[in-house]
Amino acid sequence: MKQILMTGIGASLLLTTASFISNLPYAWQTNRAVAQNPTKQQALKLVLAAEKQVLIKDEQSKPKITWQALNDKATVKPGDILRYTLTGENTSDRPLKNLNLNQPIAKGMIYVLKSANFTGNAKISYSIDGGRSFVENPTIKVTLPNGNISTQPAPAKAYTHIRFYSPVIAAKTTLKVTYQTQVR
């Protein structure tokens, strides 16, 4: 009985020690690979920026759209339009192939239909199922009053993700994509 108890306590201490060691800072861990190349840079540098749409009036008192960069203390309210810009820079000396950039539509936001734009040869697709599948034109099935089922374009509020696909990004070039969302 004492031997089983001691074995159980020993196993518990071993598991506790192992989980403690795995949570230590990098300098204290001994189970990590040391042979890494710290000077190797990522081939693709991604930057995501957000801006809020601001309407101002020009000299003729006509409304004009401008964009204000969002900072840490920015506030948004229902109805505000936000523009996201995702920039992907190929910093390598070789082309990058078959690049997928997936962006979730944040909770509390609605995708602004047909607002996605890009530079380069990107293809845009969308998900309405949490990012499990992507298509160019999402549709939903709707039961009509007469009982028939109709396929219709998915409403903006159904969009959960947007994907930008680029077959090739040449060396030392940049891909820029933008899309807009509206605060619910």
C-alpha atoms as a PDB file:
ATOM      1  CA  MET A   1       0.000   0.000   0.000  1.00  0.00           C
ATOM      2  CA  LYS A   2       2.851   2.374   0.937  1.00  0.00           C
ATOM      3  CA  GLN A   3       4.633   1.511  -2.311  1.00  0.00           C
ATOM      4  CA  ILE A   4       1.542   2.380  -4.422  1.00  0.00           C
ATOM      5  CA  LEU A   5       1.086   5.632  -2.485  1.00  0.00           C
ATOM      6  CA  MET A   6       4.765   6.589  -2.963  1.00  0.00           C
ATOM      7  CA  THR A   7       4.594   5.695  -6.672  1.00  0.00           C
ATOM      8  CA  GLY A   8       1.471   7.863  -7.083  1.00  0.00           C
ATOM      9  CA  ILE A   9       3.097  10.793  -5.255  1.00  0.00           C
ATOM     10  CA  GLY A  10       6.272  10.367  -7.334  1.00  0.00           C
ATOM     11  CA  ALA A  11       4.303  10.378 -10.589  1.00  0.00           C
ATOM     12  CA  SER A  12       2.368  13.475  -9.494  1.00  0.00           C
ATOM     13  CA  LEU A  13       5.584  15.324  -8.653  1.00  0.00           C
ATOM     14  CA  LEU A  14       7.099  14.326 -11.981  1.00  0.00           C
ATOM     15  CA  LEU A  15       4.060  15.630 -13.916  1.00  0.00           C
ATOM     16  CA  THR A  16       3.975  18.840 -11.873  1.00  0.00           C
ATOM     17  CA  THR A  17       7.695  19.408 -12.476  1.00  0.00           C
ATOM     18  CA  ALA A  18       7.332  18.728 -16.207  1.00  0.00           C
ATOM     19  CA  SER A  19       4.468  21.213 -16.571  1.00  0.00           C
ATOM     20  CA  PHE A  20       6.373  23.782 -14.481  1.00  0.00           C
ATOM     21  CA  ILE A  21       9.495  23.434 -16.641  1.00  0.00           C
ATOM     22  CA  SER A  22       7.480  23.781 -19.864  1.00  0.00           C
ATOM     23  CA  ASN A  23       6.157  27.144 -18.617  1.00  0.00           C
ATOM     24  CA  LEU A  24       9.575  28.576 -17.734  1.00  0.00           C
ATOM     25  CA  PRO A  25      11.024  31.395 -19.834  1.00  0.00           C
ATOM     26  CA  TYR A  26      13.105  30.338 -22.841  1.00  0.00           C
ATOM     27  CA  ALA A  27      16.474  30.936 -21.096  1.00  0.00           C
ATOM     28  CA  TRP A  28      15.627  28.355 -18.418  1.00  0.00           C
ATOM     29  CA  GLN A  29      14.388  25.626 -20.712  1.00  0.00           C
ATOM     30  CA  THR A  30      16.772  22.888 -21.761  1.00  0.00           C
ATOM     31  CA  ASN A  31      14.515  20.958 -24.105  1.00  0.00           C
ATOM     32  CA  ARG A  32      14.556  23.517 -26.932  1.00  0.00           C
ATOM     33  CA  ALA A  33      16.685  23.355 -30.044  1.00  0.00           C
ATOM     34  CA  VAL A  34      19.705  25.631 -29.851  1.00  0.00           C
ATOM     35  CA  ALA A  35      20.800  25.363 -33.468  1.00  0.00           C
ATOM     36  CA  GLN A  36      18.645  28.105 -34.932  1.00  0.00           C
ATOM     37  CA  ASN A  37      19.596  30.794 -37.379  1.00  0.00           C
ATOM     38  CA  PRO A  38      18.628  34.045 -35.618  1.00  0.00           C
ATOM     39  CA  THR A  39      19.514  36.167 -38.656  1.00  0.00           C
ATOM     40  CA  LYS A  40      17.052  34.370 -40.968  1.00  0.00           C
ATOM     41  CA  GLN A  41      14.135  36.685 -41.736  1.00  0.00           C
ATOM     42  CA  GLN A  42      10.595  35.797 -42.662  1.00  0.00           C
ATOM     43  CA  ALA A  43       9.990  35.764 -46.412  1.00  0.00           C
ATOM     44  CA  LEU A  44       6.641  37.537 -46.004  1.00  0.00           C
ATOM     45  CA  LYS A  45       6.161  40.560 -43.787  1.00  0.00           C
ATOM     46  CA  LEU A  46       2.470  41.182 -42.972  1.00  0.00           C
ATOM     47  CA  VAL A  47       1.054  44.422 -41.592  1.00  0.00           C
ATOM     48  CA  LEU A  48      -2.616  45.000 -40.771  1.00  0.00           C
ATOM     49  CA  ALA A  49      -3.867  48.564 -40.320  1.00  0.00           C
ATOM     50  CA  ALA A  50      -7.364  49.852 -39.541  1.00  0.00           C
ATOM     51  CA  GLU A  51      -8.947  53.211 -40.327  1.00  0.00           C
ATOM     52  CA  LYS A  52     -12.302  54.753 -39.518  1.00  0.00           C
ATOM     53  CA  GLN A  53     -14.359  56.485 -42.175  1.00  0.00           C
ATOM     54  CA  VAL A  54     -14.890  60.169 -41.449  1.00  0.00           C
ATOM     55  CA  LEU A  55     -17.213  62.361 -43.497  1.00  0.00           C
ATOM     56  CA  ILE A  56     -16.170  65.969 -43.955  1.00  0.00           C
ATOM     57  CA  LYS A  57     -17.475  68.721 -46.218  1.00  0.00           C
ATOM     58  CA  ASP A  58     -15.378  70.141 -49.032  1.00  0.00           C
ATOM     59  CA  GLU A  59     -15.300  73.776 -50.187  1.00  0.00           C
ATOM     60  CA  GLN A  60     -18.672  73.373 -51.932  1.00  0.00           C
ATOM     61  CA  SER A  61     -20.214  71.815 -48.766  1.00  0.00           C
ATOM     62  CA  LYS A  62     -20.359  68.425 -50.453  1.00  0.00           C
ATOM     63  CA  PRO A  63     -19.643  65.399 -48.259  1.00  0.00           C
ATOM     64  CA  LYS A  64     -16.194  63.914 -48.737  1.00  0.00           C
ATOM     65  CA  ILE A  65     -14.937  60.612 -47.333  1.00  0.00           C
ATOM     66  CA  THR A  66     -11.628  60.595 -45.477  1.00  0.00           C
ATOM     67  CA  TRP A  67      -9.973  57.869 -43.410  1.00  0.00           C
ATOM     68  CA  GLN A  68      -8.612  58.329 -39.902  1.00  0.00           C
ATOM     69  CA  ALA A  69      -6.082  55.806 -38.556  1.00  0.00           C
ATOM     70  CA  LEU A  70      -7.305  53.933 -35.487  1.00  0.00           C
ATOM     71  CA  ASN A  71      -5.076  53.966 -32.453  1.00  0.00           C
ATOM     72  CA  ASP A  72      -5.256  52.125 -29.123  1.00  0.00           C
ATOM     73  CA  LYS A  73      -7.767  54.585 -27.671  1.00  0.00           C
ATOM     74  CA  ALA A  74     -10.045  54.859 -30.692  1.00  0.00           C
ATOM     75  CA  THR A  75     -13.759  54.482 -30.149  1.00  0.00           C
ATOM     76  CA  VAL A  76     -16.275  53.318 -32.690  1.00  0.00           C
ATOM     77  CA  LYS A  77     -20.039  53.278 -32.538  1.00  0.00           C
ATOM     78  CA  PRO A  78     -22.768  51.364 -34.381  1.00  0.00           C
ATOM     79  CA  GLY A  79     -22.888  52.341 -38.025  1.00  0.00           C
ATOM     80  CA  ASP A  80     -19.209  53.377 -38.253  1.00  0.00           C
ATOM     81  CA  ILE A  81     -17.331  52.030 -41.275  1.00  0.00           C
ATOM     82  CA  LEU A  82     -13.831  50.641 -40.775  1.00  0.00           C
ATOM     83  CA  ARG A  83     -11.335  49.974 -43.548  1.00  0.00           C
ATOM     84  CA  TYR A  84      -8.693  47.311 -43.035  1.00  0.00           C
ATOM     85  CA  THR A  85      -5.513  47.294 -45.102  1.00  0.00           C
ATOM     86  CA  LEU A  86      -3.405  44.147 -45.139  1.00  0.00           C
ATOM     87  CA  THR A  87       0.013  44.600 -46.696  1.00  0.00           C
ATOM     88  CA  GLY A  88       2.159  41.597 -47.521  1.00  0.00           C
ATOM     89  CA  GLU A  89       5.746  42.343 -48.490  1.00  0.00           C
ATOM     90  CA  ASN A  90       7.891  39.611 -50.024  1.00  0.00           C
ATOM     91  CA  THR A  91      11.267  40.444 -48.501  1.00  0.00           C
ATOM     92  CA  SER A  92      13.002  37.424 -50.041  1.00  0.00           C
ATOM     93  CA  ASP A  93      14.952  37.092 -53.264  1.00  0.00           C
ATOM     94  CA  ARG A  94      12.559  34.495 -54.650  1.00  0.00           C
ATOM     95  CA  PRO A  95       8.872  34.526 -55.586  1.00  0.00           C
ATOM     96  CA  LEU A  96       6.302  33.256 -53.088  1.00  0.00           C
ATOM     97  CA  LYS A  97       3.717  30.918 -54.532  1.00  0.00           C
ATOM     98  CA  ASN A  98       0.123  30.029 -53.623  1.00  0.00           C
ATOM     99  CA  LEU A  99      -0.316  32.540 -50.826  1.00  0.00           C
ATOM    100  CA  ASN A 100      -3.630  32.561 -48.914  1.00  0.00           C
ATOM    101  CA  LEU A 101      -4.311  35.496 -46.605  1.00  0.00           C
ATOM    102  CA  ASN A 102      -7.368  34.747 -44.442  1.00  0.00           C
ATOM    103  CA  GLN A 103      -8.973  37.538 -42.466  1.00  0.00           C
ATOM    104  CA  PRO A 104     -11.826  36.981 -40.029  1.00  0.00           C
ATOM    105  CA  ILE A 105     -14.665  39.481 -39.914  1.00  0.00           C
ATOM    106  CA  ALA A 106     -14.582  40.538 -36.272  1.00  0.00           C
ATOM    107  CA  LYS A 107     -17.571  39.818 -34.039  1.00  0.00           C
ATOM    108  CA  GLY A 108     -19.774  42.860 -33.845  1.00  0.00           C
ATOM    109  CA  MET A 109     -18.919  43.784 -37.432  1.00  0.00           C
ATOM    110  CA  ILE A 110     -20.643  43.267 -40.788  1.00  0.00           C
ATOM    111  CA  TYR A 111     -18.666  42.940 -44.017  1.00  0.00           C
ATOM    112  CA  VAL A 112     -19.423  45.752 -46.489  1.00  0.00           C
ATOM    113  CA  LEU A 113     -20.337  43.871 -49.668  1.00  0.00           C
ATOM    114  CA  LYS A 114     -18.064  44.435 -52.682  1.00  0.00           C
ATOM    115  CA  SER A 115     -15.616  46.550 -50.646  1.00  0.00           C
ATOM    116  CA  ALA A 116     -12.634  44.221 -51.094  1.00  0.00           C
ATOM    117  CA  ASN A 117      -9.849  45.527 -53.343  1.00  0.00           C
ATOM    118  CA  PHE A 118      -6.310  44.409 -54.046  1.00  0.00           C
ATOM    119  CA  THR A 119      -3.137  45.212 -55.915  1.00  0.00           C
ATOM    120  CA  GLY A 120      -1.555  42.474 -57.954  1.00  0.00           C
ATOM    121  CA  ASN A 121      -3.197  39.310 -59.168  1.00  0.00           C
ATOM    122  CA  ALA A 122      -5.172  38.240 -56.107  1.00  0.00           C
ATOM    123  CA  LYS A 123      -8.432  36.311 -56.111  1.00  0.00           C
ATOM    124  CA  ILE A 124     -11.031  37.010 -53.408  1.00  0.00           C
ATOM    125  CA  SER A 125     -13.296  34.438 -51.779  1.00  0.00           C
ATOM    126  CA  TYR A 126     -15.519  34.481 -48.712  1.00  0.00           C
ATOM    127  CA  SER A 127     -16.695  32.190 -45.933  1.00  0.00           C
ATOM    128  CA  ILE A 128     -20.069  32.170 -44.221  1.00  0.00           C
ATOM    129  CA  ASP A 129     -19.329  29.072 -42.125  1.00  0.00           C
ATOM    130  CA  GLY A 130     -16.613  30.255 -39.755  1.00  0.00           C
ATOM    131  CA  GLY A 131     -13.736  29.771 -42.205  1.00  0.00           C
ATOM    132  CA  ARG A 132     -14.304  26.090 -43.001  1.00  0.00           C
ATOM    133  CA  SER A 133     -14.993  26.729 -46.701  1.00  0.00           C
ATOM    134  CA  PHE A 134     -14.530  29.647 -49.097  1.00  0.00           C
ATOM    135  CA  VAL A 135     -16.354  30.588 -52.314  1.00  0.00           C
ATOM    136  CA  GLU A 136     -16.400  33.640 -54.556  1.00  0.00           C
ATOM    137  CA  ASN A 137     -20.146  34.245 -54.174  1.00  0.00           C
ATOM    138  CA  PRO A 138     -21.608  32.777 -50.966  1.00  0.00           C
ATOM    139  CA  THR A 139     -25.233  31.706 -51.129  1.00  0.00           C
ATOM    140  CA  ILE A 140     -27.823  30.514 -48.656  1.00  0.00           C
ATOM    141  CA  LYS A 141     -30.962  28.430 -49.063  1.00  0.00           C
ATOM    142  CA  VAL A 142     -34.200  30.188 -48.153  1.00  0.00           C
ATOM    143  CA  THR A 143     -37.628  28.618 -47.763  1.00  0.00           C
ATOM    144  CA  LEU A 144     -40.167  30.739 -49.630  1.00  0.00           C
ATOM    145  CA  PRO A 145     -43.739  31.293 -48.362  1.00  0.00           C
ATOM    146  CA  ASN A 146     -45.023  28.692 -50.836  1.00  0.00           C
ATOM    147  CA  GLY A 147     -42.652  26.066 -49.356  1.00  0.00           C
ATOM    148  CA  ASN A 148     -40.188  26.041 -52.244  1.00  0.00           C
ATOM    149  CA  ILE A 149     -36.489  26.394 -51.467  1.00  0.00           C
ATOM    150  CA  SER A 150     -34.565  29.149 -53.221  1.00  0.00           C
ATOM    151  CA  THR A 151     -30.814  29.799 -53.381  1.00  0.00           C
ATOM    152  CA  GLN A 152     -30.010  33.466 -52.773  1.00  0.00           C
ATOM    153  CA  PRO A 153     -26.862  35.534 -52.246  1.00  0.00           C
ATOM    154  CA  ALA A 154     -25.765  35.423 -48.601  1.00  0.00           C
ATOM    155  CA  PRO A 155     -26.519  38.629 -46.688  1.00  0.00           C
ATOM    156  CA  ALA A 156     -23.588  40.745 -45.545  1.00  0.00           C
ATOM    157  CA  LYS A 157     -24.168  39.791 -41.897  1.00  0.00           C
ATOM    158  CA  ALA A 158     -23.522  36.100 -42.756  1.00  0.00           C
ATOM    159  CA  TYR A 159     -19.913  36.690 -43.871  1.00  0.00           C
ATOM    160  CA  THR A 160     -17.378  35.403 -41.326  1.00  0.00           C
ATOM    161  CA  HIS A 161     -14.061  35.477 -43.239  1.00  0.00           C
ATOM    162  CA  ILE A 162     -12.472  36.895 -46.347  1.00  0.00           C
ATOM    163  CA  ARG A 163      -9.605  35.204 -48.208  1.00  0.00           C
ATOM    164  CA  PHE A 164      -7.177  36.769 -50.635  1.00  0.00           C
ATOM    165  CA  TYR A 165      -5.312  34.230 -52.785  1.00  0.00           C
ATOM    166  CA  SER A 166      -2.309  35.152 -54.878  1.00  0.00           C
ATOM    167  CA  PRO A 167      -0.682  32.524 -57.118  1.00  0.00           C
ATOM    168  CA  VAL A 168       2.664  34.381 -57.082  1.00  0.00           C
ATOM    169  CA  ILE A 169       4.167  37.364 -55.289  1.00  0.00           C
ATOM    170  CA  ALA A 170       7.388  38.298 -57.057  1.00  0.00           C
ATOM    171  CA  ALA A 171      10.581  38.794 -55.070  1.00  0.00           C
ATOM    172  CA  LYS A 172      10.900  42.175 -53.356  1.00  0.00           C
ATOM    173  CA  THR A 173       7.318  43.206 -54.154  1.00  0.00           C
ATOM    174  CA  THR A 174       4.262  44.059 -52.085  1.00  0.00           C
ATOM    175  CA  LEU A 175       0.653  42.871 -52.191  1.00  0.00           C
ATOM    176  CA  LYS A 176      -1.923  45.218 -50.702  1.00  0.00           C
ATOM    177  CA  VAL A 177      -5.528  44.249 -49.957  1.00  0.00           C
ATOM    178  CA  THR A 178      -8.307  46.287 -48.383  1.00  0.00           C
ATOM    179  CA  TYR A 179     -11.831  45.594 -47.209  1.00  0.00           C
ATOM    180  CA  GLN A 180     -14.438  47.382 -45.127  1.00  0.00           C
ATOM    181  CA  THR A 181     -16.694  46.418 -42.254  1.00  0.00           C
ATOM    182  CA  GLN A 182     -19.481  48.230 -40.462  1.00  0.00           C
ATOM    183  CA  VAL A 183     -19.972  48.252 -36.698  1.00  0.00           C
ATOM    184  CA  ARG A 184     -23.273  46.521 -35.780  1.00  0.00           C
END
